[in-house]
């Protein structure tokens, strides 16, 4: 039996499929790439936010006032969230030659900047407000990460230095969780479990922490 004519008829379809998926495959295989989000909003709190995410999942966050010295902290992201960040970045052409600004008169909401870096390749775009759906999604992810890291840092600080203030912080985290503002709520589990088990904290805070941890675990 001669299968060559059948193979030849299928070859064009195979090549078309290969070409269509090749860009995403190349982008996913990129090593050492970094996506950075930076927001500068003077006279607000915080005035400066910078979050860097490598495609390995490692990252740093630096949230402070502009007069403060840089103080980046390391963190690790879940692979699914990293994939989402880089997929949205790819949809925005790695920020190469795009314009995200709405170009209408609107209040100053802080200058946001996306930066893509991979070796010697660097592209960036800045805007005050955008209506691009991919940019909005990416902005929401980074704004959520900024809120999440601030909440976590405040929880760990109050657990160490301000036991009476812990309940207020847990209430704030609970509110952010209810509003789906936290991209990776599982990062709170270790601290919430520690709080729950420590009898030095008031029962109200321990019970609230226990309930929130249970909700986060049951959501997976």
N, C-alpha and C. Protein backbone atom coordinates (compact mmCIF):
# COMPACT_ATOMS: atom_id res chain seq x y z
N UNK A 1 0.85 -1.21 0.00
CA UNK A 1 0.00 0.00 0.00
C UNK A 1 0.87 1.25 0.00
N UNK A 2 0.56 2.19 -0.87
CA UNK A 2 1.35 3.41 -0.98
C UNK A 2 0.67 4.54 -0.22
N UNK A 3 1.35 5.04 0.86
CA UNK A 3 0.75 6.08 1.71
C UNK A 3 1.26 7.46 1.37
N UNK A 4 2.16 7.56 0.39
CA UNK A 4 2.76 8.86 0.12
C UNK A 4 1.77 9.93 -0.30
N UNK A 5 0.80 9.66 -1.19
CA UNK A 5 -0.17 10.71 -1.56
C UNK A 5 -0.95 11.23 -0.37
N UNK A 6 -1.33 10.33 0.55
CA UNK A 6 -2.08 10.75 1.72
C UNK A 6 -1.22 11.65 2.60
N UNK A 7 0.05 11.27 2.78
CA UNK A 7 0.95 12.07 3.59
C UNK A 7 1.15 13.47 2.99
N UNK A 8 1.32 13.49 1.65
CA UNK A 8 1.51 14.77 0.99
C UNK A 8 0.30 15.68 1.17
N UNK A 9 -0.88 15.12 1.20
CA UNK A 9 -2.09 15.93 1.36
C UNK A 9 -2.20 16.49 2.77
N UNK A 10 -1.63 15.77 3.74
CA UNK A 10 -1.72 16.22 5.12
C UNK A 10 -0.59 17.17 5.49
N UNK A 11 0.51 17.15 4.73
CA UNK A 11 1.67 17.95 5.07
C UNK A 11 1.36 19.45 5.16
N UNK A 12 0.62 20.05 4.20
CA UNK A 12 0.32 21.49 4.32
C UNK A 12 -0.43 21.83 5.60
N UNK A 13 -1.37 20.98 6.01
CA UNK A 13 -2.13 21.23 7.23
C UNK A 13 -1.23 21.18 8.45
N UNK A 14 -0.28 20.22 8.43
CA UNK A 14 0.66 20.10 9.55
C UNK A 14 1.53 21.35 9.65
N UNK A 15 2.02 21.83 8.51
CA UNK A 15 2.88 23.01 8.52
C UNK A 15 2.13 24.25 8.99
N UNK A 16 0.86 24.38 8.57
CA UNK A 16 0.05 25.52 9.02
C UNK A 16 -0.14 25.48 10.53
N UNK A 17 -0.42 24.30 11.07
CA UNK A 17 -0.61 24.15 12.51
C UNK A 17 0.67 24.48 13.26
N UNK A 18 1.82 24.01 12.71
CA UNK A 18 3.10 24.28 13.36
C UNK A 18 3.41 25.76 13.41
N UNK A 19 3.18 26.45 12.30
CA UNK A 19 3.45 27.89 12.24
C UNK A 19 2.56 28.65 13.21
N UNK A 20 1.32 28.22 13.37
CA UNK A 20 0.38 28.94 14.23
C UNK A 20 0.74 28.83 15.70
N UNK A 21 1.32 27.70 16.12
CA UNK A 21 1.63 27.53 17.54
C UNK A 21 3.07 27.88 17.86
N UNK A 22 3.93 28.03 16.84
CA UNK A 22 5.35 28.26 17.09
C UNK A 22 5.64 29.50 17.92
N UNK A 23 5.00 30.67 17.64
CA UNK A 23 5.31 31.85 18.45
C UNK A 23 5.05 31.64 19.94
N UNK A 24 3.92 31.00 20.30
CA UNK A 24 3.62 30.79 21.71
C UNK A 24 4.57 29.79 22.34
N UNK A 25 5.01 28.79 21.55
CA UNK A 25 5.97 27.81 22.06
C UNK A 25 7.30 28.49 22.35
N UNK A 26 7.75 29.34 21.39
CA UNK A 26 9.01 30.05 21.59
C UNK A 26 8.93 30.95 22.80
N UNK A 27 7.82 31.69 22.93
CA UNK A 27 7.67 32.61 24.06
C UNK A 27 7.66 31.85 25.37
N UNK A 28 6.95 30.70 25.43
CA UNK A 28 6.88 29.92 26.66
C UNK A 28 8.24 29.35 27.03
N UNK A 29 9.07 29.07 26.02
CA UNK A 29 10.37 28.46 26.28
C UNK A 29 11.45 29.50 26.59
N UNK A 30 11.11 30.77 26.50
CA UNK A 30 12.09 31.82 26.75
C UNK A 30 12.63 31.70 28.17
N UNK A 31 13.94 31.70 28.31
CA UNK A 31 14.55 31.60 29.63
C UNK A 31 15.12 32.94 30.05
N UNK A 32 14.98 33.24 31.32
CA UNK A 32 15.53 34.48 31.85
C UNK A 32 14.71 35.71 31.58
N UNK A 33 13.52 35.57 31.03
CA UNK A 33 12.67 36.72 30.76
C UNK A 33 12.05 37.25 32.05
N UNK A 34 11.86 38.57 32.09
CA UNK A 34 11.29 39.22 33.27
C UNK A 34 10.23 40.22 32.84
N UNK A 35 9.12 40.23 33.57
CA UNK A 35 8.09 41.24 33.39
C UNK A 35 8.05 42.08 34.67
N UNK A 36 8.14 43.39 34.50
CA UNK A 36 8.15 44.31 35.64
C UNK A 36 6.95 45.24 35.56
N UNK A 37 6.33 45.46 36.72
CA UNK A 37 5.27 46.46 36.84
C UNK A 37 5.77 47.54 37.78
N UNK A 38 5.64 48.78 37.36
CA UNK A 38 6.05 49.90 38.22
C UNK A 38 4.94 50.94 38.23
N UNK A 39 4.63 51.44 39.41
CA UNK A 39 3.61 52.49 39.54
C UNK A 39 4.17 53.59 40.43
N UNK A 40 4.08 54.81 39.92
CA UNK A 40 4.52 55.98 40.68
C UNK A 40 3.33 56.92 40.82
N UNK A 41 2.96 57.20 42.05
CA UNK A 41 1.79 58.05 42.32
C UNK A 41 2.13 58.95 43.51
N UNK A 42 2.66 60.12 43.22
CA UNK A 42 3.09 61.03 44.28
C UNK A 42 1.90 61.47 45.13
N UNK A 43 2.20 61.71 46.42
CA UNK A 43 1.21 62.18 47.40
C UNK A 43 0.13 61.14 47.68
N UNK A 44 0.40 59.88 47.38
CA UNK A 44 -0.52 58.81 47.74
C UNK A 44 0.20 57.85 48.67
N UNK A 45 -0.47 56.79 49.07
CA UNK A 45 0.20 55.78 49.88
C UNK A 45 -0.18 54.40 49.37
N UNK A 46 0.79 53.64 48.87
CA UNK A 46 2.20 54.02 48.73
C UNK A 46 2.42 54.84 47.45
N UNK A 47 3.53 55.56 47.42
CA UNK A 47 3.85 56.36 46.24
C UNK A 47 4.56 55.55 45.17
N UNK A 48 5.21 54.47 45.59
CA UNK A 48 6.03 53.70 44.65
C UNK A 48 5.75 52.21 44.84
N UNK A 49 5.46 51.54 43.72
CA UNK A 49 5.27 50.10 43.70
C UNK A 49 6.08 49.54 42.53
N UNK A 50 6.88 48.53 42.80
CA UNK A 50 7.59 47.85 41.72
C UNK A 50 7.60 46.35 42.00
N UNK A 51 7.07 45.59 41.06
CA UNK A 51 7.02 44.14 41.18
C UNK A 51 7.67 43.54 39.93
N UNK A 52 8.65 42.69 40.15
CA UNK A 52 9.33 42.01 39.06
C UNK A 52 9.05 40.51 39.15
N UNK A 53 8.71 39.92 38.00
CA UNK A 53 8.41 38.49 37.95
C UNK A 53 9.24 37.84 36.86
N UNK A 54 10.04 36.85 37.22
CA UNK A 54 10.79 36.08 36.24
C UNK A 54 9.94 34.90 35.78
N UNK A 55 10.22 34.40 34.57
CA UNK A 55 9.41 33.28 34.09
C UNK A 55 9.70 31.99 34.84
N UNK A 56 10.70 32.00 35.73
CA UNK A 56 10.96 30.86 36.61
C UNK A 56 10.01 30.84 37.80
N UNK A 57 9.33 31.98 38.05
CA UNK A 57 8.44 32.10 39.19
C UNK A 57 9.01 32.93 40.32
N UNK A 58 10.32 33.20 40.28
CA UNK A 58 10.93 34.06 41.29
C UNK A 58 10.54 35.51 41.02
N UNK A 59 10.49 36.28 42.09
CA UNK A 59 10.14 37.69 41.91
C UNK A 59 10.59 38.54 43.07
N UNK A 60 10.47 39.85 42.90
CA UNK A 60 10.74 40.80 43.97
C UNK A 60 9.64 41.84 44.01
N UNK A 61 9.39 42.38 45.19
CA UNK A 61 8.44 43.47 45.32
C UNK A 61 9.05 44.56 46.20
N UNK A 62 8.77 45.79 45.84
CA UNK A 62 9.27 46.96 46.56
C UNK A 62 8.14 47.97 46.62
N UNK A 63 7.55 48.14 47.78
CA UNK A 63 6.40 49.02 47.98
C UNK A 63 6.75 50.01 49.08
N UNK A 64 6.74 51.32 48.75
CA UNK A 64 7.24 52.31 49.70
C UNK A 64 6.88 53.72 49.26
N UNK A 65 7.28 54.69 50.06
CA UNK A 65 7.20 56.09 49.68
C UNK A 65 8.45 56.44 48.88
N UNK A 66 8.35 57.44 48.02
CA UNK A 66 9.46 57.78 47.13
C UNK A 66 10.71 58.22 47.88
N UNK A 67 10.55 58.83 49.06
CA UNK A 67 11.71 59.28 49.82
C UNK A 67 12.42 58.14 50.53
N UNK A 68 11.77 57.00 50.65
CA UNK A 68 12.39 55.86 51.33
C UNK A 68 13.43 55.20 50.42
N UNK A 69 14.40 54.56 51.04
CA UNK A 69 15.41 53.84 50.28
C UNK A 69 14.79 52.59 49.65
N UNK A 70 15.26 52.20 48.46
CA UNK A 70 14.78 50.95 47.85
C UNK A 70 14.96 49.77 48.81
N UNK A 71 13.96 48.91 48.87
CA UNK A 71 14.02 47.79 49.80
C UNK A 71 13.27 46.58 49.21
N UNK A 72 13.78 46.03 48.12
CA UNK A 72 13.07 44.91 47.48
C UNK A 72 13.09 43.64 48.32
N UNK A 73 11.98 42.92 48.30
CA UNK A 73 11.85 41.65 49.00
C UNK A 73 11.57 40.56 47.96
N UNK A 74 12.11 39.38 48.20
CA UNK A 74 11.89 38.27 47.27
C UNK A 74 10.61 37.53 47.59
N UNK A 75 10.01 36.92 46.58
CA UNK A 75 8.85 36.06 46.77
C UNK A 75 8.78 35.08 45.60
N UNK A 76 7.92 34.09 45.72
CA UNK A 76 7.78 33.05 44.71
C UNK A 76 6.33 32.96 44.28
N UNK A 77 6.10 32.89 42.97
CA UNK A 77 4.74 32.82 42.44
C UNK A 77 4.43 31.42 41.94
N UNK A 78 3.15 31.09 41.99
CA UNK A 78 2.66 29.84 41.44
C UNK A 78 2.84 29.84 39.92
N UNK A 79 3.13 28.67 39.37
CA UNK A 79 3.41 28.58 37.93
C UNK A 79 2.22 29.01 37.07
N UNK A 80 1.00 28.74 37.53
CA UNK A 80 -0.18 29.14 36.75
C UNK A 80 -0.29 30.66 36.65
N UNK A 81 0.03 31.35 37.74
CA UNK A 81 -0.03 32.81 37.72
C UNK A 81 1.09 33.38 36.86
N UNK A 82 2.28 32.78 36.92
CA UNK A 82 3.39 33.20 36.07
C UNK A 82 3.02 33.05 34.60
N UNK A 83 2.41 31.91 34.27
CA UNK A 83 2.00 31.67 32.89
C UNK A 83 0.98 32.71 32.43
N UNK A 84 0.07 33.09 33.32
CA UNK A 84 -0.92 34.10 32.98
C UNK A 84 -0.25 35.45 32.70
N UNK A 85 0.72 35.82 33.53
CA UNK A 85 1.42 37.09 33.35
C UNK A 85 2.14 37.13 32.01
N UNK A 86 2.84 36.05 31.68
CA UNK A 86 3.61 36.04 30.43
C UNK A 86 2.71 35.86 29.21
N UNK A 87 1.58 35.19 29.38
CA UNK A 87 0.64 35.07 28.26
C UNK A 87 0.02 36.42 27.92
N UNK A 88 -0.35 37.18 28.95
CA UNK A 88 -0.89 38.52 28.73
C UNK A 88 0.18 39.44 28.14
N UNK A 89 1.40 39.28 28.60
CA UNK A 89 2.50 40.07 28.05
C UNK A 89 2.70 39.75 26.57
N UNK A 90 2.63 38.48 26.21
CA UNK A 90 2.75 38.08 24.80
C UNK A 90 1.62 38.67 23.97
N UNK A 91 0.40 38.67 24.54
CA UNK A 91 -0.74 39.25 23.82
C UNK A 91 -0.56 40.74 23.60
N UNK A 92 0.26 41.37 24.45
CA UNK A 92 0.56 42.80 24.30
C UNK A 92 1.89 43.01 23.56
N UNK A 93 2.32 41.99 22.81
CA UNK A 93 3.53 42.06 21.97
C UNK A 93 4.77 42.41 22.77
N UNK A 94 4.81 41.90 24.02
CA UNK A 94 5.95 42.17 24.91
C UNK A 94 6.18 43.66 25.09
N UNK A 95 5.09 44.46 24.95
CA UNK A 95 5.11 45.92 25.12
C UNK A 95 5.95 46.62 24.06
N UNK A 96 6.13 45.97 22.93
CA UNK A 96 6.96 46.52 21.86
C UNK A 96 6.10 47.31 20.88
N UNK A 97 6.28 48.63 20.88
CA UNK A 97 5.61 49.48 19.91
C UNK A 97 4.11 49.62 20.11
N UNK A 98 3.62 49.46 21.34
CA UNK A 98 2.18 49.60 21.57
C UNK A 98 1.91 50.89 22.36
N UNK A 99 0.68 51.36 22.27
CA UNK A 99 0.24 52.55 22.99
C UNK A 99 -1.01 52.16 23.78
N UNK A 100 -0.92 52.22 25.10
CA UNK A 100 -2.03 51.79 25.95
C UNK A 100 -2.84 52.96 26.52
N UNK A 101 -2.36 54.18 26.35
CA UNK A 101 -3.04 55.32 26.96
C UNK A 101 -4.37 55.59 26.27
N UNK A 102 -5.37 55.97 27.05
CA UNK A 102 -6.70 56.24 26.53
C UNK A 102 -6.75 57.56 25.75
N UNK A 103 -5.87 58.51 26.08
CA UNK A 103 -5.79 59.81 25.41
C UNK A 103 -7.08 60.61 25.55
N UNK A 104 -7.63 60.61 26.72
CA UNK A 104 -8.73 61.50 27.07
C UNK A 104 -8.41 62.14 28.41
N UNK A 105 -8.99 63.29 28.63
CA UNK A 105 -8.73 63.98 29.89
C UNK A 105 -9.34 63.18 31.03
N UNK A 106 -8.48 62.80 31.97
CA UNK A 106 -8.91 62.00 33.11
C UNK A 106 -8.00 62.33 34.28
N UNK A 107 -8.50 62.14 35.48
CA UNK A 107 -7.71 62.44 36.68
C UNK A 107 -6.42 61.62 36.69
N UNK A 108 -5.41 62.16 37.34
CA UNK A 108 -4.14 61.44 37.49
C UNK A 108 -4.34 60.25 38.42
N UNK A 109 -4.15 59.06 37.88
CA UNK A 109 -4.31 57.83 38.66
C UNK A 109 -2.97 57.16 38.92
N UNK A 110 -1.89 57.89 38.65
CA UNK A 110 -0.56 57.33 38.83
C UNK A 110 -0.02 56.77 37.53
N UNK A 111 1.25 56.98 37.28
CA UNK A 111 1.86 56.46 36.06
C UNK A 111 2.22 54.98 36.25
N UNK A 112 1.64 54.16 35.38
CA UNK A 112 1.95 52.73 35.41
C UNK A 112 2.88 52.40 34.24
N UNK A 113 3.81 51.52 34.48
CA UNK A 113 4.75 51.11 33.44
C UNK A 113 4.91 49.59 33.45
N UNK A 114 4.78 48.99 32.28
CA UNK A 114 5.09 47.57 32.08
C UNK A 114 6.43 47.48 31.36
N UNK A 115 7.29 46.59 31.81
CA UNK A 115 8.60 46.41 31.18
C UNK A 115 8.84 44.92 30.92
N UNK A 116 9.23 44.59 29.71
CA UNK A 116 9.62 43.22 29.37
C UNK A 116 11.11 43.21 29.07
N UNK A 117 11.84 42.29 29.72
CA UNK A 117 13.27 42.17 29.51
C UNK A 117 13.63 40.71 29.26
N UNK A 118 14.47 40.50 28.27
CA UNK A 118 14.99 39.16 27.99
C UNK A 118 16.36 39.32 27.34
N UNK A 119 17.40 39.14 28.14
CA UNK A 119 18.75 39.39 27.63
C UNK A 119 18.93 40.86 27.29
N UNK A 120 19.35 41.13 26.08
CA UNK A 120 19.56 42.51 25.63
C UNK A 120 18.26 43.17 25.13
N UNK A 121 17.20 42.40 25.08
CA UNK A 121 15.92 42.91 24.58
C UNK A 121 15.12 43.54 25.72
N UNK A 122 14.71 44.79 25.53
CA UNK A 122 13.91 45.49 26.53
C UNK A 122 12.84 46.31 25.83
N UNK A 123 11.59 46.15 26.27
CA UNK A 123 10.49 46.96 25.75
C UNK A 123 9.67 47.44 26.94
N UNK A 124 9.12 48.63 26.85
CA UNK A 124 8.28 49.13 27.93
C UNK A 124 7.21 50.07 27.40
N UNK A 125 6.16 50.22 28.19
CA UNK A 125 5.06 51.11 27.85
C UNK A 125 4.51 51.70 29.14
N UNK A 126 4.17 52.98 29.10
CA UNK A 126 3.65 53.67 30.28
C UNK A 126 2.27 54.25 29.96
N UNK A 127 1.45 54.39 30.99
CA UNK A 127 0.10 54.93 30.80
C UNK A 127 -0.47 55.36 32.14
N UNK A 128 -1.43 56.25 32.08
CA UNK A 128 -2.20 56.65 33.26
C UNK A 128 -3.46 55.80 33.39
N UNK A 129 -4.14 55.60 32.25
CA UNK A 129 -5.37 54.81 32.24
C UNK A 129 -5.52 54.15 30.88
N UNK A 130 -5.92 52.90 30.86
CA UNK A 130 -6.06 52.17 29.60
C UNK A 130 -7.38 51.43 29.54
N UNK A 131 -7.86 51.23 28.31
CA UNK A 131 -9.06 50.44 28.08
C UNK A 131 -8.74 49.12 27.37
N UNK A 132 -7.46 48.86 27.14
CA UNK A 132 -7.07 47.61 26.50
C UNK A 132 -7.37 46.44 27.46
N UNK A 133 -8.16 45.46 27.04
CA UNK A 133 -8.56 44.39 27.95
C UNK A 133 -7.40 43.56 28.48
N UNK A 134 -6.40 43.27 27.64
CA UNK A 134 -5.25 42.50 28.11
C UNK A 134 -4.42 43.30 29.12
N UNK A 135 -4.26 44.59 28.84
CA UNK A 135 -3.52 45.45 29.77
C UNK A 135 -4.27 45.59 31.09
N UNK A 136 -5.59 45.68 31.02
CA UNK A 136 -6.38 45.77 32.24
C UNK A 136 -6.23 44.51 33.09
N UNK A 137 -6.25 43.36 32.43
CA UNK A 137 -6.07 42.10 33.17
C UNK A 137 -4.70 42.04 33.82
N UNK A 138 -3.67 42.42 33.07
CA UNK A 138 -2.32 42.39 33.61
C UNK A 138 -2.17 43.38 34.76
N UNK A 139 -2.76 44.55 34.60
CA UNK A 139 -2.73 45.55 35.67
C UNK A 139 -3.40 45.02 36.92
N UNK A 140 -4.55 44.36 36.77
CA UNK A 140 -5.26 43.81 37.92
C UNK A 140 -4.44 42.75 38.64
N UNK A 141 -3.70 41.94 37.88
CA UNK A 141 -2.84 40.93 38.50
C UNK A 141 -1.77 41.59 39.36
N UNK A 142 -1.09 42.59 38.79
CA UNK A 142 -0.02 43.24 39.54
C UNK A 142 -0.54 44.08 40.70
N UNK A 143 -1.65 44.77 40.49
CA UNK A 143 -2.25 45.52 41.61
C UNK A 143 -2.65 44.55 42.72
N UNK A 144 -3.17 43.39 42.34
CA UNK A 144 -3.52 42.37 43.32
C UNK A 144 -2.31 41.84 44.06
N UNK A 145 -1.22 41.62 43.34
CA UNK A 145 0.01 41.16 43.99
C UNK A 145 0.54 42.20 44.97
N UNK A 146 0.44 43.48 44.60
CA UNK A 146 0.89 44.54 45.50
C UNK A 146 0.04 44.54 46.78
N UNK A 147 -1.27 44.42 46.61
CA UNK A 147 -2.15 44.38 47.78
C UNK A 147 -1.86 43.15 48.63
N UNK A 148 -1.66 42.03 47.96
CA UNK A 148 -1.42 40.77 48.65
C UNK A 148 -0.13 40.82 49.48
N UNK A 149 0.95 41.33 48.89
CA UNK A 149 2.21 41.40 49.62
C UNK A 149 2.14 42.40 50.77
N UNK A 150 1.39 43.49 50.58
CA UNK A 150 1.21 44.45 51.67
C UNK A 150 0.43 43.82 52.81
N UNK A 151 -0.65 43.12 52.50
CA UNK A 151 -1.45 42.45 53.52
C UNK A 151 -0.62 41.43 54.29
N UNK A 152 0.15 40.64 53.55
CA UNK A 152 0.95 39.60 54.20
C UNK A 152 2.03 40.20 55.09
N UNK A 153 2.69 41.24 54.60
CA UNK A 153 3.73 41.89 55.41
C UNK A 153 3.13 42.50 56.67
N UNK A 154 1.94 43.12 56.54
CA UNK A 154 1.28 43.72 57.71
C UNK A 154 0.85 42.65 58.71
N UNK A 155 0.37 41.51 58.20
CA UNK A 155 -0.03 40.43 59.11
C UNK A 155 1.17 39.90 59.88
N UNK A 156 2.26 39.65 59.19
CA UNK A 156 3.45 39.12 59.86
C UNK A 156 4.04 40.14 60.84
N UNK A 157 3.97 41.42 60.48
CA UNK A 157 4.50 42.45 61.39
C UNK A 157 3.67 42.56 62.65
N UNK A 158 2.34 42.60 62.49
CA UNK A 158 1.48 42.74 63.68
C UNK A 158 1.52 41.49 64.56
N UNK A 159 1.67 40.33 63.94
CA UNK A 159 1.80 39.10 64.75
C UNK A 159 3.05 39.15 65.62
N UNK A 160 4.04 39.84 65.15
CA UNK A 160 5.31 39.91 65.89
C UNK A 160 5.36 41.06 66.88
N UNK A 161 4.78 42.22 66.49
CA UNK A 161 4.97 43.42 67.30
C UNK A 161 3.69 44.02 67.86
N UNK A 162 2.53 43.65 67.37
CA UNK A 162 1.29 44.31 67.77
C UNK A 162 0.15 43.29 67.83
N UNK A 163 0.16 42.48 68.85
CA UNK A 163 -0.81 41.38 68.93
C UNK A 163 -2.25 41.87 68.95
N UNK A 164 -2.48 43.06 69.52
CA UNK A 164 -3.84 43.57 69.58
C UNK A 164 -4.33 44.05 68.21
N UNK A 165 -3.40 44.36 67.31
CA UNK A 165 -3.80 44.83 66.00
C UNK A 165 -4.02 43.74 64.97
N UNK A 166 -3.77 42.50 65.37
CA UNK A 166 -3.85 41.38 64.44
C UNK A 166 -5.26 41.19 63.89
N UNK A 167 -6.27 41.31 64.74
CA UNK A 167 -7.63 41.06 64.29
C UNK A 167 -8.04 42.01 63.17
N UNK A 168 -7.64 43.28 63.27
CA UNK A 168 -7.97 44.25 62.22
C UNK A 168 -7.32 43.87 60.89
N UNK A 169 -6.09 43.38 60.95
CA UNK A 169 -5.41 42.98 59.71
C UNK A 169 -6.08 41.76 59.09
N UNK A 170 -6.46 40.80 59.91
CA UNK A 170 -7.15 39.61 59.39
C UNK A 170 -8.48 40.00 58.77
N UNK A 171 -9.18 40.95 59.38
CA UNK A 171 -10.44 41.44 58.80
C UNK A 171 -10.20 42.07 57.43
N UNK A 172 -9.10 42.81 57.29
CA UNK A 172 -8.78 43.43 56.00
C UNK A 172 -8.46 42.38 54.95
N UNK A 173 -7.70 41.37 55.33
CA UNK A 173 -7.38 40.29 54.40
C UNK A 173 -8.65 39.54 54.00
N UNK A 174 -9.52 39.33 54.96
CA UNK A 174 -10.79 38.66 54.69
C UNK A 174 -11.63 39.45 53.68
N UNK A 175 -11.65 40.77 53.84
CA UNK A 175 -12.39 41.63 52.92
C UNK A 175 -11.79 41.57 51.52
N UNK A 176 -10.46 41.63 51.43
CA UNK A 176 -9.79 41.55 50.13
C UNK A 176 -10.05 40.19 49.48
N UNK A 177 -10.08 39.15 50.29
CA UNK A 177 -10.36 37.81 49.76
C UNK A 177 -11.79 37.73 49.22
N UNK A 178 -12.74 38.28 49.97
CA UNK A 178 -14.14 38.27 49.54
C UNK A 178 -14.32 39.03 48.23
N UNK A 179 -13.55 40.07 48.03
CA UNK A 179 -13.65 40.87 46.81
C UNK A 179 -12.78 40.33 45.68
N UNK A 180 -12.15 39.17 45.91
CA UNK A 180 -11.31 38.49 44.91
C UNK A 180 -10.18 39.39 44.43
N UNK A 181 -9.55 40.08 45.36
CA UNK A 181 -8.45 40.98 45.03
C UNK A 181 -7.08 40.33 45.22
N UNK A 182 -7.05 39.12 45.74
CA UNK A 182 -5.79 38.45 46.06
C UNK A 182 -5.51 37.35 45.05
N UNK A 183 -4.47 37.49 44.22
CA UNK A 183 -4.20 36.50 43.18
C UNK A 183 -3.85 35.12 43.72
N UNK A 184 -3.15 35.07 44.86
CA UNK A 184 -2.72 33.79 45.43
C UNK A 184 -2.98 33.78 46.94
N UNK A 185 -4.23 33.64 47.36
CA UNK A 185 -4.53 33.69 48.80
C UNK A 185 -3.87 32.59 49.61
N UNK A 186 -3.42 31.53 48.97
CA UNK A 186 -2.78 30.43 49.71
C UNK A 186 -1.50 30.88 50.40
N UNK A 187 -0.91 32.02 49.98
CA UNK A 187 0.33 32.48 50.63
C UNK A 187 0.08 32.89 52.08
N UNK A 188 -1.18 33.11 52.45
CA UNK A 188 -1.50 33.51 53.82
C UNK A 188 -1.63 32.32 54.76
N UNK A 189 -1.73 31.11 54.25
CA UNK A 189 -2.08 29.95 55.07
C UNK A 189 -1.10 29.70 56.20
N UNK A 190 0.18 29.80 55.93
CA UNK A 190 1.17 29.53 56.98
C UNK A 190 1.01 30.49 58.16
N UNK A 191 0.86 31.78 57.87
CA UNK A 191 0.71 32.77 58.94
C UNK A 191 -0.63 32.61 59.65
N UNK A 192 -1.69 32.34 58.89
CA UNK A 192 -3.00 32.15 59.52
C UNK A 192 -3.01 30.92 60.43
N UNK A 193 -2.36 29.85 60.00
CA UNK A 193 -2.28 28.64 60.85
C UNK A 193 -1.48 28.92 62.11
N UNK A 194 -0.40 29.68 61.98
CA UNK A 194 0.41 30.04 63.13
C UNK A 194 -0.40 30.87 64.12
N UNK A 195 -1.15 31.81 63.58
CA UNK A 195 -2.00 32.66 64.44
C UNK A 195 -3.05 31.82 65.16
N UNK A 196 -3.68 30.92 64.43
CA UNK A 196 -4.73 30.07 65.00
C UNK A 196 -4.23 29.24 66.16
N UNK A 197 -3.01 28.76 66.06
CA UNK A 197 -2.47 27.84 67.06
C UNK A 197 -1.85 28.55 68.27
N UNK A 198 -1.69 29.85 68.20
CA UNK A 198 -0.99 30.59 69.26
C UNK A 198 -2.01 31.18 70.24
N UNK A 199 -1.99 30.71 71.47
CA UNK A 199 -2.95 31.15 72.48
C UNK A 199 -2.65 32.54 73.02
N UNK A 200 -1.53 33.12 72.60
CA UNK A 200 -1.22 34.48 73.06
C UNK A 200 -2.08 35.52 72.34
N UNK A 201 -2.69 35.13 71.22
CA UNK A 201 -3.57 36.06 70.50
C UNK A 201 -4.99 35.91 71.03
N UNK A 202 -5.78 36.99 70.88
CA UNK A 202 -7.15 36.95 71.37
C UNK A 202 -7.96 35.92 70.58
N UNK A 203 -8.95 35.34 71.24
CA UNK A 203 -9.73 34.27 70.62
C UNK A 203 -10.45 34.75 69.35
N UNK A 204 -10.89 36.00 69.35
CA UNK A 204 -11.61 36.53 68.19
C UNK A 204 -10.72 36.48 66.94
N UNK A 205 -9.47 36.89 67.09
CA UNK A 205 -8.53 36.89 65.96
C UNK A 205 -8.20 35.47 65.54
N UNK A 206 -8.04 34.58 66.50
CA UNK A 206 -7.71 33.18 66.19
C UNK A 206 -8.86 32.50 65.45
N UNK A 207 -10.08 32.75 65.88
CA UNK A 207 -11.23 32.15 65.22
C UNK A 207 -11.41 32.71 63.81
N UNK A 208 -11.21 34.00 63.65
CA UNK A 208 -11.33 34.61 62.33
C UNK A 208 -10.25 34.05 61.39
N UNK A 209 -9.04 33.91 61.90
CA UNK A 209 -7.95 33.35 61.10
C UNK A 209 -8.24 31.91 60.72
N UNK A 210 -8.78 31.13 61.66
CA UNK A 210 -9.12 29.73 61.38
C UNK A 210 -10.18 29.62 60.28
N UNK A 211 -11.20 30.42 60.37
CA UNK A 211 -12.27 30.38 59.37
C UNK A 211 -11.77 30.80 57.99
N UNK A 212 -10.93 31.83 57.95
CA UNK A 212 -10.41 32.30 56.67
C UNK A 212 -9.50 31.23 56.04
N UNK A 213 -8.66 30.61 56.85
CA UNK A 213 -7.79 29.55 56.34
C UNK A 213 -8.60 28.39 55.78
N UNK A 214 -9.67 28.03 56.46
CA UNK A 214 -10.53 26.94 55.99
C UNK A 214 -11.17 27.31 54.64
N UNK A 215 -11.60 28.55 54.51
CA UNK A 215 -12.22 28.97 53.25
C UNK A 215 -11.22 28.94 52.11
N UNK A 216 -10.00 29.39 52.39
CA UNK A 216 -8.97 29.37 51.34
C UNK A 216 -8.66 27.95 50.92
N UNK A 217 -8.53 27.05 51.87
CA UNK A 217 -8.22 25.65 51.54
C UNK A 217 -9.37 25.01 50.77
N UNK A 218 -10.58 25.29 51.16
CA UNK A 218 -11.75 24.67 50.51
C UNK A 218 -12.04 25.24 49.14
N UNK A 219 -11.41 26.37 48.81
CA UNK A 219 -11.63 26.96 47.49
C UNK A 219 -10.82 26.29 46.41
N UNK A 220 -9.85 25.47 46.79
CA UNK A 220 -8.98 24.81 45.79
C UNK A 220 -9.65 23.54 45.28
